[in-house]
Protein backbone atom coordinates (compact mmCIF):
# COMPACT_ATOMS: atom_id res chain seq x y z
CA MET A 1 -22.48 96.17 3.15
CA THR A 2 -21.79 92.48 2.97
CA GLN A 3 -18.45 91.01 3.91
CA ASP A 4 -18.19 89.21 0.55
CA HIS A 5 -15.75 91.37 -1.33
CA THR A 6 -12.76 91.34 -3.62
CA LEU A 7 -9.60 93.31 -2.88
CA ALA A 8 -7.21 94.29 -5.66
CA ARG A 9 -3.79 95.80 -5.06
CA ASP A 10 -1.09 97.02 -7.37
CA ASN A 11 2.10 99.03 -6.99
CA THR A 12 0.38 102.45 -7.23
CA GLY A 13 -0.62 102.47 -3.56
CA THR A 14 -4.35 102.29 -4.24
CA GLU A 15 -6.67 99.73 -2.68
CA VAL A 16 -9.77 98.91 -4.72
CA MET A 17 -12.59 96.75 -3.39
CA GLY A 18 -15.91 95.57 -4.75
CA ALA A 19 -18.95 94.47 -2.75
CA VAL A 20 -22.71 94.08 -2.99
CA ASP A 21 -24.56 96.61 -0.80
CA GLU A 22 -27.97 95.27 0.20
CA ALA A 23 -28.69 97.81 2.97
CA SER A 24 -31.23 99.87 1.02
CA GLY A 25 -33.31 96.88 -0.07
CA ASN A 26 -32.16 97.47 -3.66
CA PRO A 27 -28.86 95.57 -4.02
CA SER A 28 -26.09 97.53 -5.72
CA TYR A 29 -22.57 96.49 -6.72
CA VAL A 30 -20.12 99.04 -5.35
CA ILE A 31 -16.50 99.50 -6.45
CA ALA A 32 -14.40 101.79 -4.27
CA ASP A 33 -10.80 102.94 -3.94
CA ILE A 34 -10.60 102.81 -0.16
CA SER A 35 -7.30 104.71 -0.18
CA CYS A 36 -9.01 107.86 -1.55
CA ASP A 37 -12.04 109.65 -0.09
CA GLY A 38 -15.02 109.82 -2.43
CA ALA A 39 -13.56 107.47 -5.07
CA TRP A 40 -16.40 105.00 -5.65
CA LEU A 41 -19.14 104.05 -8.09
CA SER A 42 -22.14 101.76 -7.95
CA ALA A 43 -24.54 100.02 -10.29
CA PRO A 44 -27.79 98.18 -9.59
CA GLU A 45 -26.85 94.54 -9.00
CA PRO A 46 -28.94 93.19 -11.93
CA ASP A 47 -27.07 95.59 -14.27
CA ALA A 48 -23.57 94.79 -12.95
CA VAL A 49 -21.24 92.98 -15.35
CA VAL A 50 -19.31 89.94 -14.14
CA PRO A 51 -15.69 90.23 -15.35
CA THR A 52 -15.03 86.95 -17.18
CA GLU A 53 -11.36 86.86 -16.18
CA TRP A 54 -12.43 86.57 -12.51
CA CYS A 55 -14.70 83.56 -13.10
């Protein structure tokens, strides 16, 4: 996974990160709660939506 990522924290104790995974040759955008095992989802990079409030 690339080191370009976004970390979001709130007062619930969760840590959510997003990154582009290019390891398979088919880039995917991955969002994961790194404070909880198995809590992640991914979408092919061309299909990923850019949140307008982050731009």
